[in-house]
PDB file of N, CA and C in Angstrom:
ATOM      1  N   MET A   1     -84.642-106.076 -12.992  1.00  0.00           N
ATOM      2  CA  MET A   1     -84.569-107.210 -12.091  1.00  0.00           C
ATOM      3  C   MET A   1     -85.982-107.698 -11.785  1.00  0.00           C
ATOM      4  N   ILE A   2     -86.142-108.986 -11.806  1.00  0.00           N
ATOM      5  CA  ILE A   2     -87.450-109.580 -11.545  1.00  0.00           C
ATOM      6  C   ILE A   2     -87.633-109.703 -10.037  1.00  0.00           C
ATOM      7  N   LYS A   3     -88.767-109.206  -9.553  1.00  0.00           N
ATOM      8  CA  LYS A   3     -89.068-109.328  -8.130  1.00  0.00           C
ATOM      9  C   LYS A   3     -89.875-110.598  -7.910  1.00  0.00           C
ATOM     10  N   LEU A   4     -89.372-111.421  -7.026  1.00  0.00           N
ATOM     11  CA  LEU A   4     -90.066-112.653  -6.698  1.00  0.00           C
ATOM     12  C   LEU A   4     -90.679-112.534  -5.316  1.00  0.00           C
ATOM     13  N   ALA A   5     -91.800-113.167  -5.147  1.00  0.00           N
ATOM     14  CA  ALA A   5     -92.427-113.208  -3.826  1.00  0.00           C
ATOM     15  C   ALA A   5     -91.510-113.972  -2.878  1.00  0.00           C
ATOM     16  N   SER A   6     -91.593-113.651  -1.608  1.00  0.00           N
ATOM     17  CA  SER A   6     -90.704-114.293  -0.640  1.00  0.00           C
ATOM     18  C   SER A   6     -90.901-115.808  -0.624  1.00  0.00           C
ATOM     19  N   LYS A   7     -92.113-116.272  -0.887  1.00  0.00           N
ATOM     20  CA  LYS A   7     -92.377-117.713  -0.928  1.00  0.00           C
ATOM     21  C   LYS A   7     -91.602-118.357  -2.080  1.00  0.00           C
ATOM     22  N   ASN A   8     -91.575-117.686  -3.230  1.00  0.00           N
ATOM     23  CA  ASN A   8     -90.837-118.212  -4.378  1.00  0.00           C
ATOM     24  C   ASN A   8     -89.337-118.200  -4.119  1.00  0.00           C
ATOM     25  N   ARG A   9     -88.840-117.146  -3.461  1.00  0.00           N
ATOM     26  CA  ARG A   9     -87.414-117.081  -3.143  1.00  0.00           C
ATOM     27  C   ARG A   9     -87.017-118.211  -2.206  1.00  0.00           C
ATOM     28  N   ARG A  10     -87.868-118.492  -1.209  1.00  0.00           N
ATOM     29  CA  ARG A  10     -87.586-119.600  -0.289  1.00  0.00           C
ATOM     30  C   ARG A  10     -87.554-120.931  -1.020  1.00  0.00           C
ATOM     31  N   LEU A  11     -88.475-121.117  -1.946  1.00  0.00           N
ATOM     32  CA  LEU A  11     -88.511-122.357  -2.718  1.00  0.00           C
ATOM     33  C   LEU A  11     -87.250-122.505  -3.560  1.00  0.00           C
ATOM     34  N   ILE A  12     -86.823-121.426  -4.191  1.00  0.00           N
ATOM     35  CA  ILE A  12     -85.611-121.473  -5.008  1.00  0.00           C
ATOM     36  C   ILE A  12     -84.397-121.786  -4.136  1.00  0.00           C
ATOM     37  N   ARG A  13     -84.308-121.194  -2.948  1.00  0.00           N
ATOM     38  CA  ARG A  13     -83.203-121.487  -2.035  1.00  0.00           C
ATOM     39  C   ARG A  13     -83.211-122.957  -1.623  1.00  0.00           C
ATOM     40  N   LYS A  14     -84.393-123.498  -1.367  1.00  0.00           N
ATOM     41  CA  LYS A  14     -84.485-124.912  -0.992  1.00  0.00           C
ATOM     42  C   LYS A  14     -84.058-125.812  -2.145  1.00  0.00           C
ATOM     43  N   LEU A  15     -84.452-125.445  -3.365  1.00  0.00           N
ATOM     44  CA  LEU A  15     -84.038-126.232  -4.527  1.00  0.00           C
ATOM     45  C   LEU A  15     -82.530-126.172  -4.707  1.00  0.00           C
ATOM     46  N   GLU A  16     -81.934-125.011  -4.485  1.00  0.00           N
ATOM     47  CA  GLU A  16     -80.481-124.877  -4.570  1.00  0.00           C
ATOM     48  C   GLU A  16     -79.798-125.730  -3.506  1.00  0.00           C
ATOM     49  N   GLN A  17     -80.350-125.750  -2.295  1.00  0.00           N
ATOM     50  CA  GLN A  17     -79.791-126.583  -1.222  1.00  0.00           C
ATOM     51  C   GLN A  17     -79.830-128.053  -1.612  1.00  0.00           C
ATOM     52  N   ALA A  18     -80.942-128.466  -2.196  1.00  0.00           N
ATOM     53  CA  ALA A  18     -81.075-129.865  -2.603  1.00  0.00           C
ATOM     54  C   ALA A  18     -80.046-130.204  -3.678  1.00  0.00           C
ATOM     55  N   MET A  19     -79.847-129.311  -4.640  1.00  0.00           N
ATOM     56  CA  MET A  19     -78.873-129.566  -5.698  1.00  0.00           C
ATOM     57  C   MET A  19     -77.457-129.669  -5.121  1.00  0.00           C
ATOM     58  N   LEU A  20     -77.144-128.841  -4.133  1.00  0.00           N
ATOM     59  CA  LEU A  20     -75.810-128.865  -3.531  1.00  0.00           C
ATOM     60  C   LEU A  20     -75.575-130.119  -2.692  1.00  0.00           C
ATOM     61  N   ARG A  21     -76.642-130.699  -2.155  1.00  0.00           N
ATOM     62  CA  ARG A  21     -76.509-131.922  -1.349  1.00  0.00           C
ATOM     63  C   ARG A  21     -76.336-133.171  -2.199  1.00  0.00           C
ATOM     64  N   MET A  22     -76.707-133.088  -3.471  1.00  0.00           N
ATOM     65  CA  MET A  22     -76.586-134.254  -4.352  1.00  0.00           C
ATOM     66  C   MET A  22     -75.125-134.466  -4.753  1.00  0.00           C
ATOM     67  N   ALA A  23     -74.790-135.713  -4.984  1.00  0.00           N
ATOM     68  CA  ALA A  23     -73.470-136.029  -5.532  1.00  0.00           C
ATOM     69  C   ALA A  23     -73.399-135.430  -6.945  1.00  0.00           C
ATOM     70  N   PRO A  24     -72.215-135.027  -7.393  1.00  0.00           N
ATOM     71  CA  PRO A  24     -72.106-134.380  -8.710  1.00  0.00           C
ATOM     72  C   PRO A  24     -72.699-135.199  -9.857  1.00  0.00           C
ATOM     73  N   CYS A  25     -72.433-136.496  -9.885  1.00  0.00           N
ATOM     74  CA  CYS A  25     -72.973-137.336 -10.958  1.00  0.00           C
ATOM     75  C   CYS A  25     -74.504-137.415 -10.866  1.00  0.00           C
ATOM     76  N   ASP A  26     -75.013-137.563  -9.645  1.00  0.00           N
ATOM     77  CA  ASP A  26     -76.466-137.614  -9.449  1.00  0.00           C
ATOM     78  C   ASP A  26     -77.113-136.308  -9.881  1.00  0.00           C
ATOM     79  N   ARG A  27     -76.465-135.192  -9.568  1.00  0.00           N
ATOM     80  CA  ARG A  27     -76.999-133.873  -9.927  1.00  0.00           C
ATOM     81  C   ARG A  27     -77.100-133.727 -11.444  1.00  0.00           C
ATOM     82  N   VAL A  28     -76.051-134.142 -12.155  1.00  0.00           N
ATOM     83  CA  VAL A  28     -76.044-134.025 -13.615  1.00  0.00           C
ATOM     84  C   VAL A  28     -77.145-134.889 -14.225  1.00  0.00           C
ATOM     85  N   ILE A  29     -77.300-136.092 -13.717  1.00  0.00           N
ATOM     86  CA  ILE A  29     -78.355-136.984 -14.223  1.00  0.00           C
ATOM     87  C   ILE A  29     -79.730-136.430 -13.880  1.00  0.00           C
ATOM     88  N   PHE A  30     -79.902-135.950 -12.655  1.00  0.00           N
ATOM     89  CA  PHE A  30     -81.181-135.387 -12.214  1.00  0.00           C
ATOM     90  C   PHE A  30     -81.584-134.203 -13.099  1.00  0.00           C
ATOM     91  N   LEU A  31     -80.661-133.281 -13.296  1.00  0.00           N
ATOM     92  CA  LEU A  31     -80.962-132.112 -14.128  1.00  0.00           C
ATOM     93  C   LEU A  31     -81.152-132.499 -15.590  1.00  0.00           C
ATOM     94  N   GLY A  32     -80.378-133.470 -16.048  1.00  0.00           N
ATOM     95  CA  GLY A  32     -80.541-133.933 -17.425  1.00  0.00           C
ATOM     96  C   GLY A  32     -81.922-134.499 -17.676  1.00  0.00           C
ATOM     97  N   HIS A  33     -82.451-135.195 -16.696  1.00  0.00           N
ATOM     98  CA  HIS A  33     -83.779-135.789 -16.882  1.00  0.00           C
ATOM     99  C   HIS A  33     -84.902-134.760 -16.707  1.00  0.00           C
ATOM    100  N   PHE A  34     -84.831-133.979 -15.625  1.00  0.00           N
ATOM    101  CA  PHE A  34     -85.957-133.096 -15.315  1.00  0.00           C
ATOM    102  C   PHE A  34     -85.888-131.731 -15.994  1.00  0.00           C
ATOM    103  N   VAL A  35     -84.718-131.284 -16.375  1.00  0.00           N
ATOM    104  CA  VAL A  35     -84.607-129.985 -17.041  1.00  0.00           C
ATOM    105  C   VAL A  35     -84.471-130.157 -18.547  1.00  0.00           C
ATOM    106  N   ASP A  36     -83.574-131.059 -18.962  1.00  0.00           N
ATOM    107  CA  ASP A  36     -83.319-131.247 -20.392  1.00  0.00           C
ATOM    108  C   ASP A  36     -84.219-132.294 -21.031  1.00  0.00           C
ATOM    109  N   ASP A  37     -85.053-132.958 -20.252  1.00  0.00           N
ATOM    110  CA  ASP A  37     -85.983-133.988 -20.731  1.00  0.00           C
ATOM    111  C   ASP A  37     -85.281-135.146 -21.436  1.00  0.00           C
ATOM    112  N   ALA A  38     -84.109-135.503 -20.967  1.00  0.00           N
ATOM    113  CA  ALA A  38     -83.395-136.648 -21.533  1.00  0.00           C
ATOM    114  C   ALA A  38     -84.012-137.938 -20.983  1.00  0.00           C
ATOM    115  N   THR A  39     -84.042-138.959 -21.806  1.00  0.00           N
ATOM    116  CA  THR A  39     -84.582-140.246 -21.370  1.00  0.00           C
ATOM    117  C   THR A  39     -83.539-140.989 -20.547  1.00  0.00           C
ATOM    118  N   PHE A  40     -83.983-142.035 -19.873  1.00  0.00           N
ATOM    119  CA  PHE A  40     -83.073-142.846 -19.081  1.00  0.00           C
ATOM    120  C   PHE A  40     -81.987-143.452 -19.966  1.00  0.00           C
ATOM    121  N   PHE A  41     -82.375-143.895 -21.154  1.00  0.00           N
ATOM    122  CA  PHE A  41     -81.421-144.516 -22.074  1.00  0.00           C
ATOM    123  C   PHE A  41     -80.385-143.507 -22.560  1.00  0.00           C
ATOM    124  N   GLU A  42     -80.813-142.301 -22.874  1.00  0.00           N
ATOM    125  CA  GLU A  42     -79.882-141.254 -23.302  1.00  0.00           C
ATOM    126  C   GLU A  42     -78.892-140.921 -22.188  1.00  0.00           C
ATOM    127  N   LEU A  43     -79.395-140.775 -20.969  1.00  0.00           N
ATOM    128  CA  LEU A  43     -78.531-140.451 -19.842  1.00  0.00           C
ATOM    129  C   LEU A  43     -77.543-141.578 -19.562  1.00  0.00           C
ATOM    130  N   ALA A  44     -78.001-142.817 -19.648  1.00  0.00           N
ATOM    131  CA  ALA A  44     -77.113-143.959 -19.428  1.00  0.00           C
ATOM    132  C   ALA A  44     -75.996-143.971 -20.469  1.00  0.00           C
ATOM    133  N   ARG A  45     -76.341-143.728 -21.711  1.00  0.00           N
ATOM    134  CA  ARG A  45     -75.339-143.713 -22.782  1.00  0.00           C
ATOM    135  C   ARG A  45     -74.360-142.560 -22.608  1.00  0.00           C
ATOM    136  N   GLN A  46     -74.868-141.370 -22.260  1.00  0.00           N
ATOM    137  CA  GLN A  46     -74.016-140.192 -22.103  1.00  0.00           C
ATOM    138  C   GLN A  46     -73.011-140.361 -20.968  1.00  0.00           C
ATOM    139  N   HIS A  47     -73.430-140.999 -19.883  1.00  0.00           N
ATOM    140  CA  HIS A  47     -72.587-141.094 -18.699  1.00  0.00           C
ATOM    141  C   HIS A  47     -71.891-142.439 -18.556  1.00  0.00           C
ATOM    142  N   GLY A  48     -72.138-143.336 -19.489  1.00  0.00           N
ATOM    143  CA  GLY A  48     -71.472-144.627 -19.462  1.00  0.00           C
ATOM    144  C   GLY A  48     -71.879-145.501 -18.288  1.00  0.00           C
ATOM    145  N   VAL A  49     -73.163-145.429 -17.921  1.00  0.00           N
ATOM    146  CA  VAL A  49     -73.680-146.247 -16.825  1.00  0.00           C
ATOM    147  C   VAL A  49     -74.898-147.011 -17.336  1.00  0.00           C
ATOM    148  N   SER A  50     -75.399-147.906 -16.504  1.00  0.00           N
ATOM    149  CA  SER A  50     -76.590-148.664 -16.894  1.00  0.00           C
ATOM    150  C   SER A  50     -77.853-147.853 -16.592  1.00  0.00           C
ATOM    151  N   VAL A  51     -78.950-148.291 -17.167  1.00  0.00           N
ATOM    152  CA  VAL A  51     -80.232-147.638 -16.918  1.00  0.00           C
ATOM    153  C   VAL A  51     -80.610-147.773 -15.445  1.00  0.00           C
ATOM    154  N   ALA A  52     -80.273-148.900 -14.829  1.00  0.00           N
ATOM    155  CA  ALA A  52     -80.554-149.090 -13.402  1.00  0.00           C
ATOM    156  C   ALA A  52     -79.795-148.072 -12.559  1.00  0.00           C
ATOM    157  N   GLU A  53     -78.577-147.735 -12.949  1.00  0.00           N
ATOM    158  CA  GLU A  53     -77.806-146.730 -12.218  1.00  0.00           C
ATOM    159  C   GLU A  53     -78.407-145.336 -12.405  1.00  0.00           C
ATOM    160  N   VAL A  54     -78.957-145.063 -13.580  1.00  0.00           N
ATOM    161  CA  VAL A  54     -79.644-143.789 -13.804  1.00  0.00           C
ATOM    162  C   VAL A  54     -80.877-143.719 -12.911  1.00  0.00           C
ATOM    163  N   GLU A  55     -81.642-144.795 -12.847  1.00  0.00           N
ATOM    164  CA  GLU A  55     -82.816-144.827 -11.980  1.00  0.00           C
ATOM    165  C   GLU A  55     -82.427-144.621 -10.518  1.00  0.00           C
ATOM    166  N   ALA A  56     -81.335-145.236 -10.093  1.00  0.00           N
ATOM    167  CA  ALA A  56     -80.880-145.089  -8.705  1.00  0.00           C
ATOM    168  C   ALA A  56     -80.457-143.649  -8.427  1.00  0.00           C
ATOM    169  N   ALA A  57     -79.794-143.015  -9.386  1.00  0.00           N
ATOM    170  CA  ALA A  57     -79.367-141.617  -9.217  1.00  0.00           C
ATOM    171  C   ALA A  57     -80.581-140.701  -9.106  1.00  0.00           C
ATOM    172  N   LEU A  58     -81.591-140.946  -9.919  1.00  0.00           N
ATOM    173  CA  LEU A  58     -82.812-140.139  -9.857  1.00  0.00           C
ATOM    174  C   LEU A  58     -83.539-140.357  -8.533  1.00  0.00           C
ATOM    175  N   ARG A  59     -83.556-141.594  -8.064  1.00  0.00           N
ATOM    176  CA  ARG A  59     -84.196-141.884  -6.781  1.00  0.00           C
ATOM    177  C   ARG A  59     -83.478-141.152  -5.653  1.00  0.00           C
ATOM    178  N   ARG A  60     -82.144-141.205  -5.656  1.00  0.00           N
ATOM    179  CA  ARG A  60     -81.385-140.506  -4.609  1.00  0.00           C
ATOM    180  C   ARG A  60     -81.657-139.006  -4.663  1.00  0.00           C
ATOM    181  N   GLY A  61     -81.729-138.451  -5.867  1.00  0.00           N
ATOM    182  CA  GLY A  61     -82.019-137.028  -6.015  1.00  0.00           C
ATOM    183  C   GLY A  61     -83.401-136.666  -5.507  1.00  0.00           C
ATOM    184  N   LEU A  62     -84.386-137.505  -5.807  1.00  0.00           N
ATOM    185  CA  LEU A  62     -85.746-137.236  -5.350  1.00  0.00           C
ATOM    186  C   LEU A  62     -85.867-137.357  -3.837  1.00  0.00           C
ATOM    187  N   VAL A  63     -85.129-138.282  -3.238  1.00  0.00           N
ATOM    188  CA  VAL A  63     -85.146-138.422  -1.778  1.00  0.00           C
ATOM    189  C   VAL A  63     -84.581-137.158  -1.132  1.00  0.00           C
ATOM    190  N   ILE A  64     -83.476-136.653  -1.664  1.00  0.00           N
ATOM    191  CA  ILE A  64     -82.885-135.423  -1.128  1.00  0.00           C
ATOM    192  C   ILE A  64     -83.850-134.259  -1.302  1.00  0.00           C
ATOM    193  N   LEU A  65     -84.462-134.158  -2.473  1.00  0.00           N
ATOM    194  CA  LEU A  65     -85.407-133.083  -2.737  1.00  0.00           C
ATOM    195  C   LEU A  65     -86.599-133.157  -1.786  1.00  0.00           C
ATOM    196  N   ALA A  66     -87.116-134.353  -1.554  1.00  0.00           N
ATOM    197  CA  ALA A  66     -88.241-134.522  -0.630  1.00  0.00           C
ATOM    198  C   ALA A  66     -87.846-134.158   0.798  1.00  0.00           C
ATOM    199  N   ASP A  67     -86.626-134.521   1.195  1.00  0.00           N
ATOM    200  CA  ASP A  67     -86.160-134.183   2.545  1.00  0.00           C
ATOM    201  C   ASP A  67     -86.049-132.679   2.731  1.00  0.00           C
ATOM    202  N   ILE A  68     -85.612-131.974   1.700  1.00  0.00           N
ATOM    203  CA  ILE A  68     -85.453-130.519   1.799  1.00  0.00           C
ATOM    204  C   ILE A  68     -86.819-129.828   1.784  1.00  0.00           C
ATOM    205  N   LEU A  69     -87.699-130.250   0.888  1.00  0.00           N
ATOM    206  CA  LEU A  69     -88.991-129.574   0.741  1.00  0.00           C
ATOM    207  C   LEU A  69     -89.961-129.908   1.871  1.00  0.00           C
ATOM    208  N   GLU A  70     -89.928-131.124   2.347  1.00  0.00           N
ATOM    209  CA  GLU A  70     -90.829-131.559   3.420  1.00  0.00           C
ATOM    210  C   GLU A  70     -89.993-132.293   4.457  1.00  0.00           C
ATOM    211  N   PRO A  71     -89.281-131.547   5.325  1.00  0.00           N
ATOM    212  CA  PRO A  71     -88.348-132.201   6.240  1.00  0.00           C
ATOM    213  C   PRO A  71     -89.000-133.171   7.214  1.00  0.00           C
ATOM    214  N   GLU A  72     -90.217-132.901   7.633  1.00  0.00           N
ATOM    215  CA  GLU A  72     -90.892-133.805   8.558  1.00  0.00           C
ATOM    216  C   GLU A  72     -92.136-134.356   7.868  1.00  0.00           C
ATOM    217  N   PRO A  73     -92.230-135.678   7.726  1.00  0.00           N
ATOM    218  CA  PRO A  73     -93.408-136.241   7.063  1.00  0.00           C
ATOM    219  C   PRO A  73     -94.686-135.928   7.835  1.00  0.00           C
ATOM    220  N   GLN A  74     -95.778-135.787   7.104  1.00  0.00           N
ATOM    221  CA  GLN A  74     -97.057-135.502   7.745  1.00  0.00           C
ATOM    222  C   GLN A  74     -97.542-136.728   8.502  1.00  0.00           C
ATOM    223  N   ARG A  75     -98.209-136.462   9.579  1.00  0.00           N
ATOM    224  CA  ARG A  75     -98.786-137.549  10.348  1.00  0.00           C
ATOM    225  C   ARG A  75     -99.956-138.139   9.548  1.00  0.00           C
ATOM    226  N   TRP A  76    -100.197-139.403   9.729  1.00  0.00           N
ATOM    227  CA  TRP A  76    -101.192-140.077   8.909  1.00  0.00           C
ATOM    228  C   TRP A  76    -102.578-139.483   9.090  1.00  0.00           C
ATOM    229  N   TRP A  77    -102.946-138.983  10.249  1.00  0.00           N
ATOM    230  CA  TRP A  77    -104.296-138.467  10.466  1.00  0.00           C
ATOM    231  C   TRP A  77    -104.519-137.125   9.774  1.00  0.00           C
ATOM    232  N   ARG A  78    -103.477-136.421   9.411  1.00  0.00           N
ATOM    233  CA  ARG A  78    -103.651-135.146   8.712  1.00  0.00           C
ATOM    234  C   ARG A  78    -104.189-135.349   7.300  1.00  0.00           C
ATOM    235  N   PHE A  79    -103.951-136.518   6.732  1.00  0.00           N
ATOM    236  CA  PHE A  79    -104.462-136.787   5.389  1.00  0.00           C
ATOM    237  C   PHE A  79    -105.990-136.888   5.388  1.00  0.00           C
ATOM    238  N   TRP A  80    -106.563-137.278   6.519  1.00  0.00           N
ATOM    239  CA  TRP A  80    -108.004-137.463   6.592  1.00  0.00           C
ATOM    240  C   TRP A  80    -108.759-136.152   6.748  1.00  0.00           C
ATOM    241  N   ARG A  81    -108.105-135.088   7.112  1.00  0.00           N
ATOM    242  CA  ARG A  81    -108.758-133.807   7.329  1.00  0.00           C
ATOM    243  C   ARG A  81    -109.006-133.045   6.036  1.00  0.00           C
ATOM    244  N   ARG A  82    -108.438-133.471   4.964  1.00  0.00           N
ATOM    245  CA  ARG A  82    -108.571-132.739   3.697  1.00  0.00           C
ATOM    246  C   ARG A  82    -109.902-132.955   3.055  1.00  0.00           C
TER     247      ARG A  82
END
């Protein structure tokens, strides 16, 4: 069994939460693009939707992922401290 650091386990749990929050069609398109490296055109053809609908599904998936990974946006002044 592979031992993962607690930080990695938390990240994996958050990614799983994000996948579960996505609509089933959005999840399949999201994973097809980011895991299987399918192009927008391939995904549109496979799922019988337009390229614009694939882009919208990816956007919805990224919004959910961003909400899970960074639930509260950083305040603008924190960017200046870096």
